[in-house]
Structures are given as structure tokens and as C-alpha cells.
């Protein structure tokens, strides 16, 4: 195994370790916050041992969470693989990386860096590699930052505005023939409508 592949493997393992450890630390922290009973020193040590054992067990499990072990094995044999075998193995790791992020076993915030390293092996075409990498980055961003669900009040406001704005446009276009005058009137009435439904803060925003 040459120096370049040793560096690749070491870098990949470090990034994967951050991705998996981030999930473990987050889970451990949340478990501690949810527990109301104080822990003794021996209990805390036991929990630390449990976390460590859990990590070891996860590493040996043939599941998407078994990522560090699989990545280490790939890094060690990477130089000996044919281009086709390397491409297939790297693609499998990318697929498992995505699955792990979706399942919550891999931290999506660190997964993008690791994916970038794997794409070099998985996709030889530069243009396709960029497109596929961008798509995965977007998926990982969506996992890390899920969309905020609007409140019931906001949903009602949006529905009311959608219905009323359609009526405003229909009224103006049916009563005014000049296109320029139509645009001016529609803008004015929609601005008043937004102020009435959303309040002053949103009155100037176009929808």
C-alpha cells in the first residue's frame, strides 16, 4: 500500500470517525438530559463502557452503521482494486453513507466531506461527478436541516391569501383593459391584501 493510499485511508477514517462519533455524542448527551436520576461514579463509568461497547458492536455489524470498518477495509485494499471494482465499492459506500445519514447513524454534517473523497473513485466523469455530488450534498443538507413546518395560523393565512389574491387578479383583469394599469392596480391591491392578512411586517413582500 503506497503513501498516497495510506493518506487517503487515514483521512477517510478520520472523517468517518467524526461522522459516527457526532451521532454517538449527540445520543449520549440527549440521554443524559432526559434522565432525572443522578448518576454515581460507577454508574457513569458503566454508561461510558456501554457507549464504547455499542460503538464496537456497531463497527462489526453488517449494516449501514458499520461504516468505519467498511471504509477502513476499502482504504486498505483500494490500491489493489481494478477501476471497475473500485468504482463499485466506492458507490456502495456512498449509498450506505446516504442510508446512514437518513437513519441517523451517520452525522450528515460530516458526511459531505467523506462523500467528496469517495466520488473521485465512484464517478470517473468529472461533469457527472459534480452533478451527483451536488445532489447528494443537497440531500444531506435537507437531512441536517429539515424544513420548518408552518404553524396552523400561518397555513390559514397562506390559504386565505391564495384565495383572495386570485380574486383580486380576476376582478382587475375583467374590469380594466390596459395592461399597465392592471399591473399597478394588482400590485396595490395585493399589497393591501398582504397587510390585512399578514400584518405590516409582511406587507411589502411579494408572493
N, C-alpha and C. Protein backbone atom coordinates (compact mmCIF):
# COMPACT_ATOMS: atom_id res chain seq x y z
N UNK A 1 0.85 -1.19 0.00
CA UNK A 1 0.00 0.00 0.00
C UNK A 1 0.89 1.24 0.00
N UNK A 2 0.79 2.09 -1.07
CA UNK A 2 1.68 3.23 -1.17
C UNK A 2 1.25 4.36 -0.25
N UNK A 3 2.09 5.40 -0.20
CA UNK A 3 1.86 6.51 0.73
C UNK A 3 0.55 7.24 0.42
N UNK A 4 0.26 7.42 -0.88
CA UNK A 4 -0.96 8.13 -1.26
C UNK A 4 -2.20 7.42 -0.74
N UNK A 5 -2.24 6.10 -0.89
CA UNK A 5 -3.40 5.35 -0.42
C UNK A 5 -3.46 5.30 1.09
N UNK A 6 -2.30 5.27 1.75
CA UNK A 6 -2.29 5.32 3.21
C UNK A 6 -2.87 6.64 3.70
N UNK A 7 -2.51 7.74 3.03
CA UNK A 7 -3.04 9.05 3.42
C UNK A 7 -4.54 9.11 3.16
N UNK A 8 -4.97 8.54 2.01
CA UNK A 8 -6.40 8.53 1.69
C UNK A 8 -7.16 7.78 2.77
N UNK A 9 -6.69 6.59 3.11
CA UNK A 9 -7.37 5.77 4.11
C UNK A 9 -7.41 6.47 5.46
N UNK A 10 -6.29 7.06 5.86
CA UNK A 10 -6.25 7.74 7.16
C UNK A 10 -7.21 8.92 7.19
N UNK A 11 -7.23 9.71 6.12
CA UNK A 11 -8.12 10.87 6.06
C UNK A 11 -9.58 10.44 6.08
N UNK A 12 -9.90 9.42 5.30
CA UNK A 12 -11.28 8.94 5.25
C UNK A 12 -11.74 8.41 6.60
N UNK A 13 -10.87 7.68 7.28
CA UNK A 13 -11.24 7.12 8.59
C UNK A 13 -11.47 8.23 9.61
N UNK A 14 -10.64 9.28 9.55
CA UNK A 14 -10.83 10.41 10.47
C UNK A 14 -12.17 11.08 10.24
N UNK A 15 -12.51 11.32 8.96
CA UNK A 15 -13.78 11.97 8.65
C UNK A 15 -14.95 11.08 9.04
N UNK A 16 -14.84 9.79 8.74
CA UNK A 16 -15.92 8.86 9.11
C UNK A 16 -16.06 8.79 10.62
N UNK A 17 -14.93 8.83 11.33
CA UNK A 17 -14.99 8.81 12.80
C UNK A 17 -15.74 10.01 13.33
N UNK A 18 -15.52 11.18 12.73
CA UNK A 18 -16.24 12.38 13.15
C UNK A 18 -17.72 12.24 12.88
N UNK A 19 -18.06 11.65 11.73
CA UNK A 19 -19.47 11.49 11.38
C UNK A 19 -20.20 10.56 12.33
N UNK A 20 -19.57 9.43 12.65
CA UNK A 20 -20.20 8.46 13.56
C UNK A 20 -20.15 8.95 15.00
N UNK A 21 -19.03 9.53 15.41
CA UNK A 21 -18.89 10.00 16.79
C UNK A 21 -19.86 11.13 17.09
N UNK A 22 -20.14 11.96 16.08
CA UNK A 22 -21.09 13.05 16.29
C UNK A 22 -22.45 12.53 16.67
N UNK A 23 -22.86 11.44 16.05
CA UNK A 23 -24.15 10.83 16.38
C UNK A 23 -24.11 10.22 17.77
N UNK A 24 -23.02 9.51 18.09
CA UNK A 24 -22.90 8.88 19.41
C UNK A 24 -22.90 9.91 20.53
N UNK A 25 -22.15 11.00 20.34
CA UNK A 25 -22.09 12.04 21.37
C UNK A 25 -23.44 12.71 21.54
N UNK A 26 -24.12 12.96 20.41
CA UNK A 26 -25.44 13.59 20.48
C UNK A 26 -26.42 12.71 21.22
N UNK A 27 -26.41 11.40 20.90
CA UNK A 27 -27.31 10.46 21.57
C UNK A 27 -27.01 10.38 23.05
N UNK A 28 -25.72 10.33 23.40
CA UNK A 28 -25.32 10.24 24.80
C UNK A 28 -25.73 11.48 25.56
N UNK A 29 -25.56 12.66 24.94
CA UNK A 29 -25.91 13.92 25.60
C UNK A 29 -27.41 14.01 25.83
N UNK A 30 -28.20 13.63 24.81
CA UNK A 30 -29.65 13.70 24.95
C UNK A 30 -30.15 12.71 25.98
N UNK A 31 -29.53 11.52 26.05
CA UNK A 31 -29.94 10.54 27.05
C UNK A 31 -29.68 11.07 28.45
N UNK A 32 -28.56 11.75 28.62
CA UNK A 32 -28.24 12.31 29.93
C UNK A 32 -29.21 13.40 30.33
N UNK A 33 -29.63 14.21 29.37
CA UNK A 33 -30.56 15.29 29.68
C UNK A 33 -31.94 14.76 30.03
N UNK A 34 -32.31 13.63 29.41
CA UNK A 34 -33.64 13.08 29.65
C UNK A 34 -33.72 12.30 30.95
N UNK A 35 -32.60 12.00 31.57
CA UNK A 35 -32.60 11.23 32.82
C UNK A 35 -32.67 12.17 34.00
N UNK A 36 -33.63 11.96 34.90
CA UNK A 36 -33.79 12.82 36.08
C UNK A 36 -33.00 12.30 37.28
N UNK A 37 -32.63 11.02 37.29
CA UNK A 37 -31.94 10.44 38.44
C UNK A 37 -30.46 10.74 38.34
N UNK A 38 -29.79 11.16 39.48
CA UNK A 38 -28.35 11.42 39.45
C UNK A 38 -27.59 10.12 39.29
N UNK A 39 -26.44 10.19 38.59
CA UNK A 39 -25.63 9.01 38.37
C UNK A 39 -24.47 8.98 39.36
N UNK A 40 -24.17 7.80 39.85
CA UNK A 40 -22.98 7.63 40.68
C UNK A 40 -21.78 7.50 39.77
N UNK A 41 -20.56 7.56 40.38
CA UNK A 41 -19.34 7.45 39.58
C UNK A 41 -19.29 6.10 38.87
N UNK A 42 -19.70 5.04 39.57
CA UNK A 42 -19.65 3.72 38.96
C UNK A 42 -20.67 3.60 37.84
N UNK A 43 -21.86 4.23 38.04
CA UNK A 43 -22.88 4.19 37.00
C UNK A 43 -22.43 4.92 35.77
N UNK A 44 -21.79 6.09 35.97
CA UNK A 44 -21.30 6.86 34.83
C UNK A 44 -20.24 6.08 34.08
N UNK A 45 -19.35 5.41 34.83
CA UNK A 45 -18.32 4.60 34.17
C UNK A 45 -18.95 3.46 33.39
N UNK A 46 -20.01 2.87 33.97
CA UNK A 46 -20.69 1.79 33.27
C UNK A 46 -21.33 2.26 31.98
N UNK A 47 -21.93 3.47 32.03
CA UNK A 47 -22.54 4.01 30.82
C UNK A 47 -21.49 4.31 29.76
N UNK A 48 -20.33 4.83 30.20
CA UNK A 48 -19.26 5.11 29.24
C UNK A 48 -18.81 3.82 28.57
N UNK A 49 -18.73 2.75 29.38
CA UNK A 49 -18.35 1.46 28.81
C UNK A 49 -19.39 0.95 27.83
N UNK A 50 -20.67 1.19 28.16
CA UNK A 50 -21.75 0.79 27.27
C UNK A 50 -21.65 1.48 25.92
N UNK A 51 -21.38 2.80 25.98
CA UNK A 51 -21.25 3.56 24.74
C UNK A 51 -20.11 3.02 23.90
N UNK A 52 -18.97 2.75 24.57
CA UNK A 52 -17.82 2.22 23.84
C UNK A 52 -18.12 0.86 23.23
N UNK A 53 -18.79 -0.01 24.02
CA UNK A 53 -19.13 -1.33 23.50
C UNK A 53 -20.12 -1.23 22.35
N UNK A 54 -21.05 -0.27 22.49
CA UNK A 54 -22.02 -0.08 21.42
C UNK A 54 -21.33 0.32 20.13
N UNK A 55 -20.30 1.18 20.27
CA UNK A 55 -19.56 1.61 19.09
C UNK A 55 -18.83 0.43 18.45
N UNK A 56 -18.23 -0.42 19.29
CA UNK A 56 -17.51 -1.58 18.77
C UNK A 56 -18.48 -2.52 18.07
N UNK A 57 -19.65 -2.76 18.71
CA UNK A 57 -20.63 -3.66 18.12
C UNK A 57 -21.14 -3.12 16.80
N UNK A 58 -21.37 -1.80 16.76
CA UNK A 58 -21.84 -1.19 15.53
C UNK A 58 -20.82 -1.37 14.41
N UNK A 59 -19.51 -1.26 14.78
CA UNK A 59 -18.47 -1.38 13.79
C UNK A 59 -18.44 -2.78 13.18
N UNK A 60 -18.85 -3.79 13.97
CA UNK A 60 -18.77 -5.16 13.46
C UNK A 60 -20.08 -5.64 12.86
N UNK A 61 -21.09 -4.79 12.88
CA UNK A 61 -22.40 -5.18 12.37
C UNK A 61 -22.50 -4.92 10.87
N UNK A 62 -23.02 -5.87 10.09
CA UNK A 62 -23.15 -5.69 8.65
C UNK A 62 -24.36 -4.83 8.31
N UNK A 63 -24.36 -3.58 8.69
CA UNK A 63 -25.46 -2.67 8.46
C UNK A 63 -24.91 -1.32 8.01
N UNK A 64 -25.78 -0.38 7.58
CA UNK A 64 -25.28 0.94 7.18
C UNK A 64 -24.47 1.63 8.27
N UNK A 65 -24.74 1.27 9.53
CA UNK A 65 -23.98 1.90 10.63
C UNK A 65 -22.55 1.37 10.73
N UNK A 66 -22.29 0.25 10.08
CA UNK A 66 -20.95 -0.34 10.11
C UNK A 66 -20.09 0.36 9.06
N UNK A 67 -19.90 1.64 9.28
CA UNK A 67 -19.30 2.44 8.21
C UNK A 67 -17.79 2.58 8.36
N UNK A 68 -17.33 2.82 9.55
CA UNK A 68 -15.89 2.99 9.73
C UNK A 68 -15.12 1.72 9.35
N UNK A 69 -15.64 0.56 9.77
CA UNK A 69 -14.95 -0.70 9.46
C UNK A 69 -14.92 -0.95 7.96
N UNK A 70 -16.05 -0.70 7.29
CA UNK A 70 -16.10 -0.91 5.85
C UNK A 70 -15.18 0.06 5.12
N UNK A 71 -15.15 1.29 5.60
CA UNK A 71 -14.31 2.30 4.96
C UNK A 71 -12.83 1.97 5.15
N UNK A 72 -12.49 1.51 6.34
CA UNK A 72 -11.10 1.15 6.61
C UNK A 72 -10.67 -0.01 5.70
N UNK A 73 -11.55 -1.00 5.55
CA UNK A 73 -11.24 -2.14 4.69
C UNK A 73 -11.07 -1.68 3.24
N UNK A 74 -11.92 -0.76 2.82
CA UNK A 74 -11.81 -0.24 1.45
C UNK A 74 -10.50 0.52 1.25
N UNK A 75 -10.15 1.34 2.24
CA UNK A 75 -8.91 2.10 2.14
C UNK A 75 -7.68 1.21 2.05
N UNK A 76 -7.72 0.07 2.75
CA UNK A 76 -6.56 -0.83 2.76
C UNK A 76 -6.41 -1.59 1.44
N UNK A 77 -7.53 -1.91 0.80
CA UNK A 77 -7.45 -2.70 -0.45
C UNK A 77 -7.65 -1.84 -1.70
N UNK A 78 -7.86 -0.55 -1.51
CA UNK A 78 -8.19 0.35 -2.62
C UNK A 78 -7.16 0.29 -3.75
N UNK A 79 -5.88 0.29 -3.41
CA UNK A 79 -4.83 0.32 -4.44
C UNK A 79 -4.79 -0.96 -5.26
N UNK A 80 -5.27 -2.07 -4.70
CA UNK A 80 -5.21 -3.34 -5.42
C UNK A 80 -6.45 -3.59 -6.29
N UNK A 81 -7.47 -2.75 -6.17
CA UNK A 81 -8.71 -2.97 -6.91
C UNK A 81 -8.58 -2.48 -8.35
N UNK A 82 -9.27 -3.16 -9.24
CA UNK A 82 -9.37 -2.67 -10.62
C UNK A 82 -10.24 -1.41 -10.63
N UNK A 83 -10.16 -0.58 -11.68
CA UNK A 83 -11.00 0.62 -11.73
C UNK A 83 -12.49 0.31 -11.56
N UNK A 84 -12.97 -0.77 -12.20
CA UNK A 84 -14.39 -1.11 -12.09
C UNK A 84 -14.74 -1.55 -10.67
N UNK A 85 -13.87 -2.36 -10.06
CA UNK A 85 -14.14 -2.81 -8.70
C UNK A 85 -14.07 -1.65 -7.72
N UNK A 86 -13.14 -0.74 -7.94
CA UNK A 86 -13.02 0.43 -7.07
C UNK A 86 -14.26 1.31 -7.20
N UNK A 87 -14.73 1.47 -8.44
CA UNK A 87 -15.92 2.28 -8.67
C UNK A 87 -17.14 1.69 -7.96
N UNK A 88 -17.30 0.37 -8.08
CA UNK A 88 -18.44 -0.29 -7.45
C UNK A 88 -18.37 -0.21 -5.93
N UNK A 89 -17.18 -0.42 -5.38
CA UNK A 89 -17.03 -0.38 -3.92
C UNK A 89 -17.27 1.02 -3.38
N UNK A 90 -16.74 2.03 -4.07
CA UNK A 90 -16.93 3.41 -3.62
C UNK A 90 -18.40 3.80 -3.71
N UNK A 91 -19.09 3.37 -4.77
CA UNK A 91 -20.51 3.68 -4.91
C UNK A 91 -21.32 3.03 -3.80
N UNK A 92 -20.95 1.80 -3.44
CA UNK A 92 -21.66 1.12 -2.35
C UNK A 92 -21.48 1.89 -1.04
N UNK A 93 -20.28 2.39 -0.80
CA UNK A 93 -20.03 3.16 0.42
C UNK A 93 -20.82 4.47 0.41
N UNK A 94 -20.93 5.10 -0.75
CA UNK A 94 -21.72 6.33 -0.85
C UNK A 94 -23.19 6.03 -0.55
N UNK A 95 -23.69 4.93 -1.10
CA UNK A 95 -25.09 4.54 -0.85
C UNK A 95 -25.32 4.29 0.64
N UNK A 96 -24.37 3.61 1.28
CA UNK A 96 -24.51 3.33 2.71
C UNK A 96 -24.34 4.59 3.55
N UNK A 97 -23.51 5.50 3.05
CA UNK A 97 -23.35 6.79 3.72
C UNK A 97 -24.67 7.55 3.73
N UNK A 98 -25.34 7.57 2.60
CA UNK A 98 -26.63 8.25 2.50
C UNK A 98 -27.67 7.56 3.39
N UNK A 99 -27.71 6.23 3.35
CA UNK A 99 -28.65 5.48 4.18
C UNK A 99 -28.40 5.72 5.67
N UNK A 100 -27.11 5.75 6.04
CA UNK A 100 -26.77 6.00 7.43
C UNK A 100 -27.20 7.38 7.89
N UNK A 101 -27.03 8.38 7.02
CA UNK A 101 -27.46 9.73 7.36
C UNK A 101 -28.98 9.79 7.52
N UNK A 102 -29.69 9.11 6.62
CA UNK A 102 -31.15 9.09 6.70
C UNK A 102 -31.63 8.34 7.94
N UNK A 103 -30.89 7.31 8.35
CA UNK A 103 -31.27 6.52 9.52
C UNK A 103 -30.82 7.15 10.83
N UNK A 104 -29.97 8.18 10.74
CA UNK A 104 -29.48 8.83 11.95
C UNK A 104 -28.26 8.19 12.57
N UNK A 105 -27.62 7.25 11.85
CA UNK A 105 -26.43 6.60 12.38
C UNK A 105 -25.14 7.28 11.92
N UNK A 106 -25.24 8.19 10.97
CA UNK A 106 -24.10 8.97 10.49
C UNK A 106 -24.49 10.44 10.49
N UNK A 107 -23.62 11.28 11.02
CA UNK A 107 -23.90 12.71 11.10
C UNK A 107 -23.84 13.32 9.69
N UNK A 108 -24.96 13.83 9.17
CA UNK A 108 -24.95 14.37 7.80
C UNK A 108 -24.06 15.59 7.64
N UNK A 109 -23.74 16.28 8.75
CA UNK A 109 -22.90 17.47 8.65
C UNK A 109 -21.47 17.11 8.27
N UNK A 110 -21.02 15.91 8.62
CA UNK A 110 -19.68 15.46 8.27
C UNK A 110 -19.67 14.55 7.04
N UNK A 111 -20.84 14.11 6.63
CA UNK A 111 -20.91 13.11 5.56
C UNK A 111 -20.49 13.67 4.21
N UNK A 112 -20.72 14.96 3.97
CA UNK A 112 -20.40 15.54 2.66
C UNK A 112 -18.91 15.46 2.36
N UNK A 113 -18.07 15.73 3.36
CA UNK A 113 -16.62 15.68 3.14
C UNK A 113 -16.18 14.27 2.74
N UNK A 114 -16.76 13.29 3.41
CA UNK A 114 -16.40 11.91 3.10
C UNK A 114 -16.91 11.52 1.72
N UNK A 115 -18.11 11.97 1.38
CA UNK A 115 -18.67 11.66 0.07
C UNK A 115 -17.79 12.22 -1.04
N UNK A 116 -17.26 13.42 -0.84
CA UNK A 116 -16.40 14.03 -1.86
C UNK A 116 -15.17 13.16 -2.13
N UNK A 117 -14.62 12.54 -1.09
CA UNK A 117 -13.47 11.66 -1.27
C UNK A 117 -13.86 10.41 -2.06
N UNK A 118 -15.05 9.89 -1.78
CA UNK A 118 -15.49 8.67 -2.43
C UNK A 118 -15.92 8.90 -3.88
N UNK A 119 -16.46 10.09 -4.17
CA UNK A 119 -16.91 10.35 -5.53
C UNK A 119 -15.77 10.27 -6.53
N UNK A 120 -14.56 10.60 -6.11
CA UNK A 120 -13.41 10.55 -7.02
C UNK A 120 -13.23 9.13 -7.56
N UNK A 121 -13.50 8.14 -6.73
CA UNK A 121 -13.40 6.74 -7.17
C UNK A 121 -14.69 6.26 -7.82
N UNK A 122 -15.83 6.76 -7.36
CA UNK A 122 -17.12 6.23 -7.80
C UNK A 122 -17.55 6.74 -9.17
N UNK A 123 -17.15 7.96 -9.53
CA UNK A 123 -17.60 8.55 -10.79
C UNK A 123 -16.41 9.15 -11.54
N UNK A 124 -15.92 8.47 -12.59
CA UNK A 124 -14.75 8.98 -13.31
C UNK A 124 -15.04 10.20 -14.17
N UNK A 125 -16.29 10.37 -14.60
CA UNK A 125 -16.64 11.52 -15.43
C UNK A 125 -16.79 12.76 -14.55
N UNK A 126 -15.99 13.79 -14.82
CA UNK A 126 -15.95 14.97 -13.95
C UNK A 126 -17.29 15.69 -13.88
N UNK A 127 -17.93 15.88 -15.03
CA UNK A 127 -19.21 16.60 -15.06
C UNK A 127 -20.28 15.84 -14.29
N UNK A 128 -20.35 14.53 -14.52
CA UNK A 128 -21.33 13.72 -13.80
C UNK A 128 -21.01 13.69 -12.31
N UNK A 129 -19.72 13.67 -12.00
CA UNK A 129 -19.32 13.63 -10.59
C UNK A 129 -19.79 14.88 -9.86
N UNK A 130 -19.63 16.03 -10.48
CA UNK A 130 -20.08 17.28 -9.86
C UNK A 130 -21.59 17.27 -9.66
N UNK A 131 -22.32 16.85 -10.70
CA UNK A 131 -23.78 16.84 -10.61
C UNK A 131 -24.27 15.88 -9.53
N UNK A 132 -23.70 14.70 -9.48
CA UNK A 132 -24.12 13.71 -8.49
C UNK A 132 -23.71 14.14 -7.08
N UNK A 133 -22.53 14.73 -6.99
CA UNK A 133 -22.07 15.22 -5.68
C UNK A 133 -22.97 16.33 -5.17
N UNK A 134 -23.34 17.26 -6.05
CA UNK A 134 -24.22 18.36 -5.65
C UNK A 134 -25.57 17.83 -5.18
N UNK A 135 -26.10 16.83 -5.88
CA UNK A 135 -27.39 16.26 -5.50
C UNK A 135 -27.31 15.61 -4.11
N UNK A 136 -26.21 14.90 -3.85
CA UNK A 136 -26.06 14.27 -2.54
C UNK A 136 -25.87 15.31 -1.45
N UNK A 137 -25.11 16.36 -1.75
CA UNK A 137 -24.92 17.44 -0.78
C UNK A 137 -26.27 18.04 -0.39
N UNK A 138 -27.14 18.24 -1.38
CA UNK A 138 -28.46 18.81 -1.09
C UNK A 138 -29.27 17.87 -0.21
N UNK A 139 -29.21 16.58 -0.51
CA UNK A 139 -29.92 15.60 0.32
C UNK A 139 -29.42 15.62 1.76
N UNK A 140 -28.11 15.68 1.93
CA UNK A 140 -27.53 15.70 3.28
C UNK A 140 -27.87 16.99 4.01
N UNK A 141 -27.90 18.11 3.27
CA UNK A 141 -28.31 19.38 3.89
C UNK A 141 -29.76 19.31 4.36
N UNK A 142 -30.62 18.70 3.54
CA UNK A 142 -32.03 18.57 3.92
C UNK A 142 -32.18 17.70 5.16
N UNK A 143 -31.35 16.66 5.28
CA UNK A 143 -31.40 15.80 6.46
C UNK A 143 -30.92 16.56 7.69
N UNK A 144 -29.85 17.33 7.52
CA UNK A 144 -29.29 18.07 8.66
C UNK A 144 -30.17 19.22 9.09
N UNK A 145 -30.87 19.83 8.14
CA UNK A 145 -31.72 20.99 8.43
C UNK A 145 -33.10 20.76 7.82
N UNK A 146 -33.93 19.94 8.46
CA UNK A 146 -35.27 19.66 7.92
C UNK A 146 -36.09 20.94 7.84
N UNK A 147 -36.99 21.02 6.86
CA UNK A 147 -37.80 22.23 6.72
C UNK A 147 -38.69 22.46 7.94
N UNK A 148 -38.87 23.73 8.26
CA UNK A 148 -39.71 24.10 9.40
C UNK A 148 -41.18 24.03 8.99
N UNK A 149 -41.95 23.30 9.76
CA UNK A 149 -43.38 23.18 9.47
C UNK A 149 -44.09 24.46 9.89
N UNK A 150 -44.84 25.08 8.97
CA UNK A 150 -45.54 26.31 9.34
C UNK A 150 -46.60 26.05 10.40
N UNK A 151 -46.87 27.06 11.19
CA UNK A 151 -47.89 26.94 12.23
C UNK A 151 -49.27 26.87 11.58
N UNK A 152 -50.28 26.33 12.29
CA UNK A 152 -51.64 26.31 11.75
C UNK A 152 -52.13 27.71 11.37
N UNK A 153 -51.74 28.72 12.17
CA UNK A 153 -52.15 30.09 11.86
C UNK A 153 -51.57 30.55 10.53
N UNK A 154 -50.27 30.25 10.31
CA UNK A 154 -49.63 30.65 9.06
C UNK A 154 -50.23 29.91 7.88
N UNK A 155 -50.53 28.64 8.05
CA UNK A 155 -51.15 27.88 6.97
C UNK A 155 -52.49 28.49 6.58
N UNK A 156 -53.26 28.92 7.59
CA UNK A 156 -54.55 29.54 7.32
C UNK A 156 -54.36 30.88 6.60
N UNK A 157 -53.35 31.64 7.02
CA UNK A 157 -53.06 32.91 6.35
C UNK A 157 -52.69 32.69 4.89
N UNK A 158 -51.83 31.70 4.65
CA UNK A 158 -51.40 31.42 3.28
C UNK A 158 -52.58 31.01 2.41
N UNK A 159 -53.47 30.19 2.97
CA UNK A 159 -54.64 29.75 2.22
C UNK A 159 -55.56 30.93 1.91
N UNK A 160 -55.77 31.78 2.90
CA UNK A 160 -56.63 32.95 2.70
C UNK A 160 -56.04 33.89 1.65
N UNK A 161 -54.72 34.08 1.70
CA UNK A 161 -54.07 34.97 0.74
C UNK A 161 -54.16 34.40 -0.68
N UNK A 162 -53.95 33.10 -0.81
CA UNK A 162 -54.01 32.47 -2.14
C UNK A 162 -55.39 32.64 -2.76
N UNK A 163 -56.43 32.42 -1.97
CA UNK A 163 -57.79 32.55 -2.49
C UNK A 163 -58.13 34.00 -2.82
N UNK A 164 -57.80 34.92 -1.91
CA UNK A 164 -58.14 36.32 -2.11
C UNK A 164 -57.33 36.94 -3.24
N UNK A 165 -56.06 36.56 -3.38
CA UNK A 165 -55.23 37.14 -4.45
C UNK A 165 -55.73 36.73 -5.83
N UNK A 166 -56.21 35.49 -5.94
CA UNK A 166 -56.78 35.06 -7.22
C UNK A 166 -58.01 35.89 -7.58
N UNK A 167 -58.80 36.20 -6.57
CA UNK A 167 -60.00 37.00 -6.80
C UNK A 167 -59.63 38.43 -7.20
N UNK A 168 -58.60 38.99 -6.55
CA UNK A 168 -58.14 40.35 -6.89
C UNK A 168 -57.71 40.41 -8.35
N UNK A 169 -56.91 39.45 -8.77
CA UNK A 169 -56.43 39.43 -10.16
C UNK A 169 -57.58 39.28 -11.14
N UNK A 170 -58.52 38.40 -10.81
CA UNK A 170 -59.68 38.20 -11.69
C UNK A 170 -60.51 39.47 -11.80
N UNK A 171 -60.74 40.16 -10.68
CA UNK A 171 -61.54 41.39 -10.69
C UNK A 171 -60.88 42.48 -11.53
N UNK A 172 -59.59 42.66 -11.34
CA UNK A 172 -58.88 43.74 -12.05
C UNK A 172 -58.82 43.46 -13.55
N UNK A 173 -58.46 42.23 -13.92
CA UNK A 173 -58.32 41.92 -15.35
C UNK A 173 -59.66 41.94 -16.08
N UNK A 174 -60.75 41.72 -15.36
CA UNK A 174 -62.07 41.75 -16.00
C UNK A 174 -62.64 43.16 -16.11
N UNK A 175 -62.14 44.08 -15.29
CA UNK A 175 -62.70 45.44 -15.29
C UNK A 175 -61.78 46.49 -15.91
N UNK A 176 -60.50 46.18 -16.06
CA UNK A 176 -59.53 47.14 -16.62
C UNK A 176 -58.85 46.49 -17.83
N UNK A 177 -58.85 47.18 -18.96
CA UNK A 177 -58.29 46.61 -20.19
C UNK A 177 -56.81 46.93 -20.38
N UNK A 178 -56.37 48.07 -19.89
CA UNK A 178 -54.98 48.47 -20.08
C UNK A 178 -54.04 47.63 -19.22
N UNK A 179 -53.02 47.01 -19.85
CA UNK A 179 -52.13 46.10 -19.13
C UNK A 179 -51.31 46.83 -18.06
N UNK A 180 -50.83 48.02 -18.40
CA UNK A 180 -50.03 48.77 -17.43
C UNK A 180 -50.86 49.13 -16.21
N UNK A 181 -52.07 49.58 -16.45
CA UNK A 181 -52.95 49.94 -15.34
C UNK A 181 -53.32 48.70 -14.52
N UNK A 182 -53.47 47.58 -15.20
CA UNK A 182 -53.76 46.33 -14.50
C UNK A 182 -52.66 46.00 -13.49
N UNK A 183 -51.40 46.08 -13.96
CA UNK A 183 -50.28 45.75 -13.08
C UNK A 183 -50.22 46.67 -11.87
N UNK A 184 -50.46 47.97 -12.10
CA UNK A 184 -50.41 48.93 -10.99
C UNK A 184 -51.50 48.62 -9.97
N UNK A 185 -52.71 48.39 -10.46
CA UNK A 185 -53.83 48.11 -9.55
C UNK A 185 -53.64 46.79 -8.81
N UNK A 186 -53.17 45.78 -9.53
CA UNK A 186 -52.96 44.47 -8.89
C UNK A 186 -51.90 44.58 -7.80
N UNK A 187 -50.80 45.29 -8.09
CA UNK A 187 -49.75 45.46 -7.08
C UNK A 187 -50.28 46.17 -5.84
N UNK A 188 -51.05 47.22 -6.05
CA UNK A 188 -51.59 47.98 -4.92
C UNK A 188 -52.54 47.13 -4.08
N UNK A 189 -53.43 46.42 -4.76
CA UNK A 189 -54.43 45.64 -4.03
C UNK A 189 -53.81 44.43 -3.33
N UNK A 190 -52.82 43.82 -3.97
CA UNK A 190 -52.16 42.69 -3.31
C UNK A 190 -51.35 43.15 -2.11
N UNK A 191 -50.75 44.33 -2.20
CA UNK A 191 -50.01 44.88 -1.06
C UNK A 191 -50.97 45.14 0.11
N UNK A 192 -52.13 45.71 -0.19
CA UNK A 192 -53.13 45.93 0.85
C UNK A 192 -53.63 44.61 1.43
N UNK A 193 -53.78 43.62 0.54
CA UNK A 193 -54.24 42.30 0.98
C UNK A 193 -53.23 41.65 1.92
N UNK A 194 -51.94 41.74 1.56
CA UNK A 194 -50.91 41.16 2.43
C UNK A 194 -50.89 41.84 3.80
N UNK A 195 -51.07 43.16 3.79
CA UNK A 195 -51.07 43.88 5.06
C UNK A 195 -52.26 43.45 5.92
N UNK A 196 -53.39 43.25 5.26
CA UNK A 196 -54.59 42.87 6.01
C UNK A 196 -54.47 41.45 6.57
N UNK A 197 -53.86 40.54 5.82
CA UNK A 197 -53.79 39.15 6.25
C UNK A 197 -52.58 38.87 7.13
N UNK A 198 -51.41 39.39 6.73
CA UNK A 198 -50.16 39.06 7.44
C UNK A 198 -49.70 40.13 8.41
N UNK A 199 -50.20 41.34 8.24
CA UNK A 199 -49.73 42.43 9.09
C UNK A 199 -48.67 43.26 8.39
N UNK A 200 -48.22 44.32 9.06
CA UNK A 200 -47.28 45.26 8.46
C UNK A 200 -45.94 44.61 8.10
N UNK A 201 -45.49 43.63 8.88
CA UNK A 201 -44.16 43.04 8.66
C UNK A 201 -44.04 42.40 7.29
N UNK A 202 -45.12 41.81 6.79
CA UNK A 202 -45.08 41.11 5.50
C UNK A 202 -45.74 41.89 4.38
N UNK A 203 -46.18 43.09 4.65
CA UNK A 203 -46.97 43.83 3.67
C UNK A 203 -46.19 44.11 2.40
N UNK A 204 -44.89 44.36 2.51
CA UNK A 204 -44.09 44.72 1.34
C UNK A 204 -43.52 43.54 0.59
N UNK A 205 -43.75 42.33 1.05
CA UNK A 205 -43.18 41.16 0.39
C UNK A 205 -44.11 40.66 -0.71
N UNK A 206 -43.53 40.37 -1.87
CA UNK A 206 -44.33 39.82 -2.97
C UNK A 206 -44.46 38.32 -2.79
N UNK A 207 -45.58 37.78 -3.22
CA UNK A 207 -45.82 36.34 -3.12
C UNK A 207 -46.26 35.81 -4.47
